Amino acid sequence: MGSNTSICCGSKTKKQFVSGGEQSSTWRLFTYKELHAATNGFSEEYKLGEGGFGTVYWGKTTDGHQIAVKKLKTINSKAEMEFAVEVEILGRVRHKNLLGLRGYCAGANQRLIVYDYMPNLSLLSHLHGQFTGEMRLNWKKRINIIMGSAEALVYLHHEVTPHIIHRDIKASNVLLDSNFEPLVADFGFAKLIPEGVSHMTTRVKGTLGYLAPEYAMWGKVSESCDVYSFGILLLEIVTGRKPIERLPGGVKRTITEWVDPFIATDQLSNLVDHRLQGQYDDFQLRRILHAAARCVQSEPDRRPSMRKVLAILQGNAAAADPVKNRKLADDFAEKDASSQAISDVVAPGMIRIKSVKYQEELMAMDDEGGEEGEEDLELTRSGSDGASVYGVFGAIEVQRVSHGYGQQVVSRRTALRG
């Protein structure tokens, strides 16, 4: 990113996005004074959420545009790096399903990132947060969220140069605009992949339940890690279940462990989110489950690329047909050298979902998150330090679920919009 982050907040020089998608736009440098005024002095009444990184505020610019302002709490090397990474990557990408950069402010003692405000918050808020009981996400909207998110990842992995690994695909990082169009957000953990490099080894950052096994255990990161996380997200969207659930007695169950018995016995209707009241498309469901089963393969080289995943979801690949899937499923069984290979294929065209067991050490780290509903705890392992870092609006749902904070935010936001 060069010297951009050292530019004083007082500068208002406009910069242009590097063209990468169908559209091009501009971002700008905000003055601290502008953002102070837009958020009413960073008022508590305008607060949207809070996490280890700092605080996110709602704001309104002088031209009437609603914004979300992420204000870093402290300026240290870790925060500076994540700020630089996010601004750098947001300045490179442009896609209808990626949350764009509205601008930023980088002064001697301030680091702020400005985004468009998303009225419907995040996918997490609808699946597990304050909108859970309102059932705003019907099947059609869920399919649209799945497709849009997949297209965003295809763009990051295959179309923009250099390719980008997001590293933190999860429900709280899929934001929803006023029309419930999905926008993948929060690039603080993202990695640029130089041409010719298949994978890298790095410190583990992410959210337990979404982490690919090779990444969680060894820090080996590649596009396949995002594919794995997306597979978990697919299961979460269609089932309405959390990636990791705490059962009575403290036992934890992953979403793959919960889903697999229904696939094994071809009782797919029983795994669909009950809030949909049976209103879903069976063929689309089978495509999604087939895509998810391939995404969450324990071996990264057996996971499809995001282009292939999107083709399956769109029905543009033989693997998308629940009947034609039978041959592809048979191919999977033939490649599996285990004695259980045949039992891994059930029902016409379905592949069993093999659950990955996280090490006890990782599960213990998840316990540090506290109450039920706080599984979007960020893990920082391999000797790294610092506070937890949440997504753009990622901390909001944690507070709403655990502390009843959300209702206050909702009422304030309604008043602000009025």
Protein backbone atom coordinates (compact mmCIF):
# COMPACT_ATOMS: atom_id res chain seq x y z
CA MET A 1 0.00 0.00 0.00
CA GLY A 2 3.03 2.23 0.16
CA SER A 3 2.72 5.47 2.04
CA ASN A 4 -1.05 5.82 1.93
CA THR A 5 -1.58 5.00 5.60
CA SER A 6 0.85 7.69 6.68
CA ILE A 7 -1.08 10.46 4.95
CA CYS A 8 -2.52 12.92 7.44
CA CYS A 9 -6.23 12.76 8.14
CA GLY A 10 -6.47 16.34 7.03
CA SER A 11 -5.84 15.45 3.41
CA LYS A 12 -8.91 15.13 1.19
CA THR A 13 -7.18 13.93 -1.95
CA LYS A 14 -9.37 11.48 -3.83
CA LYS A 15 -8.03 8.13 -4.96
CA GLN A 16 -9.49 5.68 -7.44
CA PHE A 17 -10.11 1.97 -7.03
CA VAL A 18 -7.96 -0.36 -9.06
CA SER A 19 -10.49 -1.78 -11.47
CA GLY A 20 -11.17 -5.42 -10.79
CA GLY A 21 -14.84 -6.14 -11.29
CA GLU A 22 -17.72 -5.00 -13.42
CA GLN A 23 -17.76 -1.57 -11.83
CA SER A 24 -15.25 1.05 -10.82
CA SER A 25 -15.62 3.59 -8.07
CA THR A 26 -13.64 6.01 -5.96
CA TRP A 27 -12.65 6.20 -2.35
CA ARG A 28 -11.34 9.18 -0.50
CA LEU A 29 -9.38 10.31 2.49
CA PHE A 30 -11.62 11.65 5.22
CA THR A 31 -10.59 14.23 7.76
CA TYR A 32 -10.99 13.30 11.39
CA LYS A 33 -13.21 16.37 11.74
CA GLU A 34 -15.57 15.05 9.06
CA LEU A 35 -15.94 11.64 10.72
CA HIS A 36 -16.28 13.24 14.16
CA ALA A 37 -19.20 15.29 12.85
CA ALA A 38 -20.75 12.39 10.90
CA THR A 39 -20.88 10.21 14.04
CA ASN A 40 -21.98 13.03 16.34
CA GLY A 41 -18.64 13.01 18.11
CA PHE A 42 -18.47 9.20 18.09
CA SER A 43 -21.54 9.21 20.26
CA GLU A 44 -22.63 6.18 22.27
CA GLU A 45 -26.03 6.62 20.62
CA TYR A 46 -24.41 5.99 17.24
CA LYS A 47 -22.45 2.94 18.29
CA LEU A 48 -23.12 -0.17 16.21
CA GLY A 49 -20.72 -2.61 17.78
CA GLU A 50 -17.52 -3.09 19.70
CA GLY A 51 -14.73 -5.65 19.65
CA GLY A 52 -11.06 -6.12 20.33
CA PHE A 53 -10.13 -3.90 17.37
CA GLY A 54 -12.17 -0.94 18.64
CA THR A 55 -15.63 0.37 17.84
CA VAL A 56 -17.92 0.69 14.82
CA TYR A 57 -20.19 3.73 14.59
CA TRP A 58 -23.09 4.65 12.37
CA GLY A 59 -22.67 7.97 10.63
CA LYS A 60 -24.14 10.28 8.05
CA THR A 61 -22.03 12.43 5.73
CA THR A 62 -22.90 15.99 4.76
CA ASP A 63 -24.29 14.70 1.46
CA GLY A 64 -26.68 12.39 3.33
CA HIS A 65 -24.85 9.10 2.76
CA GLN A 66 -25.06 6.56 5.59
CA ILE A 67 -21.70 5.13 6.57
CA ALA A 68 -20.15 2.75 9.09
CA VAL A 69 -16.92 3.97 10.66
CA LYS A 70 -14.50 1.49 12.21
CA LYS A 71 -12.32 3.28 14.74
CA LEU A 72 -9.30 1.35 15.98
CA LYS A 73 -8.97 1.30 19.73
CA THR A 74 -5.18 1.24 19.95
CA ILE A 75 -2.39 1.76 17.48
CA ASN A 76 0.16 -1.03 17.78
CA SER A 77 2.05 -3.08 15.23
CA LYS A 78 -0.69 -5.73 15.00
CA ALA A 79 -3.51 -3.20 14.56
CA GLU A 80 -1.43 -1.19 12.11
CA MET A 81 -0.77 -4.27 10.00
CA GLU A 82 -4.44 -5.29 9.85
CA PHE A 83 -5.45 -1.72 9.04
CA ALA A 84 -2.89 -1.59 6.23
CA VAL A 85 -3.91 -4.99 4.86
CA GLU A 86 -7.60 -4.14 4.82
CA VAL A 87 -7.14 -0.75 3.14
CA GLU A 88 -4.68 -2.23 0.65
CA ILE A 89 -7.00 -5.06 -0.38
CA LEU A 90 -10.17 -2.99 -0.41
CA GLY A 91 -8.32 -0.57 -2.67
CA ARG A 92 -7.56 -3.42 -5.10
CA VAL A 93 -10.96 -5.04 -5.41
CA ARG A 94 -14.30 -4.06 -6.85
CA HIS A 95 -17.17 -6.50 -7.06
CA LYS A 96 -20.89 -6.19 -6.46
CA ASN A 97 -20.70 -8.75 -3.65
CA LEU A 98 -17.69 -7.31 -1.82
CA LEU A 99 -18.08 -4.55 0.75
CA GLY A 100 -16.25 -1.62 -0.78
CA LEU A 101 -14.05 0.97 0.81
CA ARG A 102 -15.73 4.34 1.17
CA GLY A 103 -12.54 5.85 2.54
CA TYR A 104 -10.23 6.05 5.53
CA CYS A 105 -8.44 8.39 7.90
CA ALA A 106 -4.86 7.80 9.01
CA GLY A 107 -3.33 10.43 11.24
CA ALA A 108 -0.64 10.36 13.88
CA ASN A 109 -2.91 8.84 16.52
CA GLN A 110 -5.99 7.75 14.58
CA ARG A 111 -6.85 4.89 12.25
CA LEU A 112 -10.40 4.79 10.89
CA ILE A 113 -11.92 2.88 7.98
CA VAL A 114 -15.17 4.02 6.36
CA TYR A 115 -17.63 1.63 4.69
CA ASP A 116 -21.14 1.86 3.33
CA TYR A 117 -23.67 1.18 6.07
CA MET A 118 -25.61 -2.07 5.64
CA PRO A 119 -29.20 -1.67 6.96
CA ASN A 120 -29.78 -5.42 7.37
CA LEU A 121 -26.51 -5.93 9.24
CA SER A 122 -24.99 -9.39 8.84
CA LEU A 123 -26.14 -12.89 7.98
CA LEU A 124 -25.31 -13.84 11.55
CA SER A 125 -27.89 -11.42 12.94
CA HIS A 126 -30.61 -13.20 10.94
CA LEU A 127 -29.53 -16.78 11.62
CA HIS A 128 -28.54 -16.48 15.28
CA GLY A 129 -28.98 -12.86 16.39
CA GLN A 130 -31.74 -10.38 17.12
CA PHE A 131 -33.62 -11.05 13.85
CA THR A 132 -33.78 -14.81 14.44
CA GLY A 133 -37.45 -14.88 15.35
CA GLU A 134 -38.56 -12.63 12.50
CA MET A 135 -37.71 -15.07 9.68
CA ARG A 136 -36.67 -12.41 7.19
CA LEU A 137 -34.61 -14.92 5.23
CA ASN A 138 -36.85 -17.09 3.10
CA TRP A 139 -35.42 -19.75 0.81
CA LYS A 140 -35.10 -17.42 -2.18
CA LYS A 141 -33.09 -14.89 -0.17
CA ARG A 142 -30.85 -17.63 1.22
CA ILE A 143 -30.12 -18.89 -2.29
CA ASN A 144 -29.28 -15.35 -3.37
CA ILE A 145 -26.93 -14.94 -0.41
CA ILE A 146 -25.23 -18.22 -1.26
CA MET A 147 -24.77 -17.34 -4.92
CA GLY A 148 -23.56 -13.81 -4.28
CA SER A 149 -21.06 -14.93 -1.65
CA ALA A 150 -19.77 -17.67 -3.96
CA GLU A 151 -19.33 -15.18 -6.80
CA ALA A 152 -17.36 -12.89 -4.49
CA LEU A 153 -14.98 -15.74 -3.62
CA VAL A 154 -14.61 -16.72 -7.27
CA TYR A 155 -13.55 -13.14 -7.95
CA LEU A 156 -11.02 -13.13 -5.09
CA HIS A 157 -9.53 -16.53 -5.93
CA HIS A 158 -9.55 -16.45 -9.72
CA GLU A 159 -10.16 -13.03 -11.22
CA VAL A 160 -8.32 -10.34 -9.28
CA THR A 161 -4.51 -10.24 -9.50
CA PRO A 162 -2.79 -11.20 -7.32
CA HIS A 163 -5.29 -13.70 -5.99
CA ILE A 164 -6.65 -13.10 -2.51
CA ILE A 165 -7.40 -15.53 0.31
CA HIS A 166 -9.97 -14.06 2.68
CA ARG A 167 -9.14 -16.33 5.67
CA ASP A 168 -12.24 -15.39 7.67
CA ILE A 169 -15.34 -16.47 5.76
CA LYS A 170 -18.21 -16.69 8.26
CA ALA A 171 -21.78 -15.52 8.78
CA SER A 172 -20.84 -12.29 10.56
CA ASN A 173 -18.64 -11.29 7.62
CA VAL A 174 -21.45 -11.59 5.08
CA LEU A 175 -23.29 -8.28 5.30
CA LEU A 176 -26.73 -7.61 3.83
CA ASP A 177 -27.84 -4.41 2.15
CA SER A 178 -31.38 -3.02 2.07
CA ASN A 179 -32.34 -5.59 -0.59
CA PHE A 180 -30.62 -8.48 1.23
CA GLU A 181 -27.87 -8.56 -1.38
CA PRO A 182 -24.79 -10.14 0.24
CA LEU A 183 -21.47 -8.35 0.57
CA VAL A 184 -18.45 -10.24 1.86
CA ALA A 185 -16.60 -8.02 4.31
CA ASP A 186 -13.58 -7.69 6.62
CA PHE A 187 -10.24 -8.23 4.93
CA GLY A 188 -8.08 -7.71 8.01
CA PHE A 189 -6.87 -11.34 7.88
CA ALA A 190 -6.64 -11.58 4.09
CA LYS A 191 -3.55 -12.74 2.21
CA LEU A 192 -2.35 -11.79 -1.27
CA ILE A 193 -1.07 -14.87 -3.11
CA PRO A 194 1.80 -14.23 -5.52
CA GLU A 195 1.56 -15.91 -8.91
CA GLY A 196 2.84 -19.48 -8.89
CA VAL A 197 2.45 -19.90 -5.12
CA SER A 198 0.00 -22.66 -4.15
CA HIS A 199 0.00 -22.15 -0.40
CA MET A 200 1.73 -20.35 2.45
CA THR A 201 2.32 -21.06 6.12
CA THR A 202 1.22 -18.39 8.55
CA ARG A 203 -0.09 -17.76 12.04
CA VAL A 204 -3.61 -19.08 12.55
CA LYS A 205 -6.33 -16.45 12.64
CA GLY A 206 -9.99 -17.15 12.15
CA THR A 207 -13.07 -18.54 13.79
CA LEU A 208 -13.31 -22.03 15.21
CA GLY A 209 -15.91 -24.08 13.39
CA TYR A 210 -15.00 -22.54 10.03
CA LEU A 211 -11.27 -23.32 10.09
CA ALA A 212 -9.94 -25.88 7.61
CA PRO A 213 -8.04 -28.65 9.45
CA GLU A 214 -4.69 -28.06 7.73
CA TYR A 215 -4.91 -24.38 8.63
CA ALA A 216 -6.06 -24.88 12.22
CA MET A 217 -3.36 -27.44 12.96
CA TRP A 218 -0.38 -26.32 10.87
CA GLY A 219 -1.12 -22.80 9.66
CA LYS A 220 -1.06 -23.94 6.02
CA VAL A 221 -3.23 -21.48 4.11
CA SER A 222 -4.47 -21.62 0.52
CA GLU A 223 -7.66 -20.87 -1.42
CA SER A 224 -8.82 -24.29 -0.20
CA CYS A 225 -9.15 -22.88 3.32
CA ASP A 226 -11.77 -20.41 2.09
CA VAL A 227 -13.50 -23.24 0.24
CA TYR A 228 -13.73 -25.25 3.47
CA SER A 229 -15.13 -22.24 5.37
CA PHE A 230 -17.65 -21.65 2.60
CA GLY A 231 -18.81 -25.27 2.87
CA ILE A 232 -19.51 -24.74 6.57
CA LEU A 233 -21.33 -21.51 5.73
CA LEU A 234 -23.52 -23.39 3.21
CA LEU A 235 -24.59 -25.84 5.91
CA GLU A 236 -25.23 -22.99 8.33
CA ILE A 237 -27.46 -21.15 5.86
CA VAL A 238 -29.68 -24.12 4.99
CA THR A 239 -29.91 -25.58 8.51
CA GLY A 240 -29.93 -22.44 10.65
CA ARG A 241 -27.51 -24.20 13.03
CA LYS A 242 -24.26 -22.79 14.41
CA PRO A 243 -20.90 -24.17 13.26
CA ILE A 244 -20.30 -25.43 16.79
CA GLU A 245 -23.06 -26.05 19.32
CA ARG A 246 -22.67 -26.69 23.02
CA LEU A 247 -24.77 -29.58 24.24
CA PRO A 248 -25.84 -30.34 27.82
CA GLY A 249 -22.87 -31.42 29.88
CA GLY A 250 -20.45 -29.23 27.98
CA VAL A 251 -20.12 -31.55 24.98
CA LYS A 252 -19.58 -29.75 21.68
CA ARG A 253 -20.95 -30.82 18.33
CA THR A 254 -19.92 -29.45 14.96
CA ILE A 255 -22.47 -28.74 12.26
CA THR A 256 -20.97 -31.48 10.08
CA GLU A 257 -21.55 -34.03 12.84
CA TRP A 258 -25.17 -32.91 13.11
CA VAL A 259 -25.85 -32.91 9.35
CA ASP A 260 -24.26 -36.19 8.30
CA PRO A 261 -26.80 -38.64 9.85
CA PHE A 262 -29.61 -36.96 7.90
CA ILE A 263 -27.66 -37.35 4.66
CA ALA A 264 -26.80 -40.96 5.53
CA THR A 265 -30.48 -41.83 5.92
CA ASP A 266 -31.73 -39.54 3.13
CA GLN A 267 -33.82 -37.48 5.56
CA LEU A 268 -32.85 -34.18 4.02
CA SER A 269 -36.09 -32.44 4.91
CA ASN A 270 -35.24 -32.86 8.60
CA LEU A 271 -32.02 -30.87 8.34
CA VAL A 272 -33.57 -27.79 6.69
CA ASP A 273 -34.08 -24.80 8.98
CA HIS A 274 -37.48 -25.37 10.62
CA ARG A 275 -38.24 -21.65 10.35
CA LEU A 276 -38.68 -22.13 6.60
CA GLN A 277 -41.70 -24.35 7.37
CA GLY A 278 -40.91 -26.69 4.49
CA GLN A 279 -40.74 -23.93 1.90
CA TYR A 280 -37.62 -24.87 -0.06
CA ASP A 281 -36.56 -26.39 -3.37
CA ASP A 282 -35.41 -30.01 -3.05
CA PHE A 283 -33.14 -29.93 -6.10
CA GLN A 284 -31.43 -26.76 -4.90
CA LEU A 285 -31.04 -28.26 -1.45
CA ARG A 286 -29.31 -31.35 -2.87
CA ARG A 287 -26.98 -29.17 -4.94
CA ILE A 288 -26.06 -27.14 -1.87
CA LEU A 289 -25.45 -30.20 0.28
CA HIS A 290 -23.39 -31.83 -2.45
CA ALA A 291 -21.30 -28.68 -2.84
CA ALA A 292 -20.88 -28.44 0.94
CA ALA A 293 -19.82 -32.09 1.22
CA ARG A 294 -17.10 -31.52 -1.35
CA CYS A 295 -16.00 -28.25 0.23
CA VAL A 296 -15.46 -29.76 3.69
CA GLN A 297 -13.31 -32.70 2.58
CA SER A 298 -10.52 -33.08 5.12
CA GLU A 299 -7.84 -33.22 2.40
CA PRO A 300 -7.46 -29.83 0.69
CA ASP A 301 -6.61 -31.33 -2.71
CA ARG A 302 -9.99 -33.07 -2.76
CA ARG A 303 -11.91 -29.83 -2.37
CA PRO A 304 -13.13 -28.15 -5.55
CA SER A 305 -12.14 -24.66 -6.61
CA MET A 306 -14.67 -21.91 -5.99
CA ARG A 307 -15.36 -21.83 -9.72
CA LYS A 308 -16.39 -25.47 -9.53
CA VAL A 309 -18.43 -24.86 -6.39
CA LEU A 310 -20.31 -22.05 -8.11
CA ALA A 311 -20.95 -24.24 -11.16
CA ILE A 312 -22.44 -26.93 -8.90
CA LEU A 313 -24.66 -24.41 -7.14
CA GLN A 314 -25.84 -22.87 -10.41
CA GLY A 315 -26.61 -26.26 -11.94
CA ASN A 316 -24.04 -25.71 -14.68
CA ALA A 317 -22.03 -28.82 -13.85
CA ALA A 318 -22.89 -32.51 -14.03
CA ALA A 319 -22.27 -32.61 -10.29
CA ALA A 320 -25.20 -30.27 -9.79
CA ASP A 321 -27.72 -32.85 -10.97
CA PRO A 322 -28.88 -35.07 -8.08
CA VAL A 323 -29.14 -38.02 -10.49
CA LYS A 324 -25.93 -37.46 -12.46
CA ASN A 325 -24.20 -36.95 -9.12
CA ARG A 326 -24.26 -40.71 -8.70
CA LYS A 327 -21.31 -41.22 -11.03
CA LEU A 328 -19.31 -38.43 -9.38
CA ALA A 329 -20.08 -39.86 -5.95
CA ASP A 330 -18.91 -43.28 -7.16
CA ASP A 331 -15.66 -41.66 -8.30
CA PHE A 332 -15.16 -40.32 -4.80
CA ALA A 333 -15.68 -43.78 -3.34
CA GLU A 334 -13.17 -45.34 -5.76
CA LYS A 335 -10.52 -42.79 -4.77
CA ASP A 336 -11.07 -43.43 -1.08
CA ALA A 337 -8.79 -46.23 0.06
CA SER A 338 -10.50 -46.66 3.42
CA SER A 339 -12.65 -49.68 4.18
CA GLN A 340 -15.62 -47.38 4.63
CA ALA A 341 -15.42 -45.94 1.11
CA ILE A 342 -18.66 -47.50 -0.08
CA SER A 343 -20.59 -46.37 2.98
CA ASP A 344 -19.53 -42.78 2.27
CA VAL A 345 -21.98 -42.65 -0.64
CA VAL A 346 -25.67 -42.63 0.15
CA ALA A 347 -28.89 -41.78 -1.64
CA PRO A 348 -28.81 -40.82 -5.31
CA GLY A 349 -25.87 -38.51 -5.88
CA MET A 350 -25.12 -37.62 -2.26
CA ILE A 351 -21.70 -37.73 -0.62
CA ARG A 352 -21.34 -38.32 3.09
CA ILE A 353 -19.94 -35.43 5.09
CA LYS A 354 -16.88 -36.48 7.04
CA SER A 355 -16.59 -34.50 10.24
CA VAL A 356 -13.27 -32.98 11.17
CA LYS A 357 -12.39 -33.26 14.86
CA TYR A 358 -10.65 -30.21 16.23
CA GLN A 359 -7.92 -30.84 18.77
CA GLU A 360 -8.88 -30.43 22.41
CA GLU A 361 -6.54 -27.45 22.64
CA LEU A 362 -8.59 -25.59 20.02
CA MET A 363 -11.89 -26.51 21.63
CA ALA A 364 -10.54 -25.24 24.95
CA MET A 365 -9.73 -21.92 23.27
CA ASP A 366 -13.33 -21.76 22.10
CA ASP A 367 -14.41 -22.10 25.73
CA GLU A 368 -12.70 -18.79 26.41
CA GLY A 369 -15.45 -17.17 24.37
CA GLY A 370 -17.82 -17.65 27.29
CA GLU A 371 -21.54 -17.79 26.76
CA GLU A 372 -23.41 -19.82 24.18
CA GLY A 373 -23.66 -17.82 21.00
CA GLU A 374 -20.14 -16.42 21.09
CA GLU A 375 -18.60 -18.90 18.68
CA ASP A 376 -17.46 -16.06 16.45
CA LEU A 377 -14.51 -15.67 18.81
CA GLU A 378 -11.33 -14.98 16.85
CA LEU A 379 -8.47 -17.40 17.39
CA THR A 380 -4.91 -16.16 17.30
CA ARG A 381 -2.48 -19.02 17.76
CA SER A 382 1.16 -19.98 17.28
CA GLY A 383 2.51 -17.42 19.71
CA SER A 384 0.61 -14.37 18.48
CA ASP A 385 -0.82 -11.96 20.98
CA GLY A 386 -3.29 -9.14 21.23
CA ALA A 387 -7.02 -8.83 21.70
CA SER A 388 -9.67 -10.59 19.68
CA VAL A 389 -10.53 -8.93 16.38
CA TYR A 390 -14.09 -8.99 15.09
CA GLY A 391 -15.57 -8.36 11.67
CA VAL A 392 -16.94 -5.02 10.53
CA PHE A 393 -20.24 -5.64 12.32
CA GLY A 394 -19.14 -8.95 13.82
CA ALA A 395 -19.22 -7.87 17.45
CA ILE A 396 -22.76 -6.55 17.30
CA GLU A 397 -24.42 -9.94 17.24
CA VAL A 398 -22.30 -11.21 20.12
CA GLN A 399 -23.51 -8.38 22.30
CA ARG A 400 -27.10 -8.74 21.17
CA VAL A 401 -27.21 -12.45 21.79
CA SER A 402 -25.43 -12.40 25.12
CA HIS A 403 -26.26 -9.05 26.66
CA GLY A 404 -29.47 -7.78 25.07
CA TYR A 405 -27.53 -4.84 23.63
CA GLY A 406 -28.99 -5.29 20.17
CA GLN A 407 -32.48 -4.08 20.92
CA GLN A 408 -31.06 -0.77 22.08
CA VAL A 409 -29.05 -0.49 18.88
CA VAL A 410 -32.05 -1.34 16.73
CA SER A 411 -34.21 1.31 18.37
CA ARG A 412 -31.46 3.90 18.05
CA ARG A 413 -30.89 3.05 14.42
CA THR A 414 -34.58 3.32 13.65
CA ALA A 415 -34.63 6.75 15.22
CA LEU A 416 -31.53 7.76 13.29
CA ARG A 417 -32.97 6.63 9.97
CA GLY A 418 -36.20 8.46 10.66
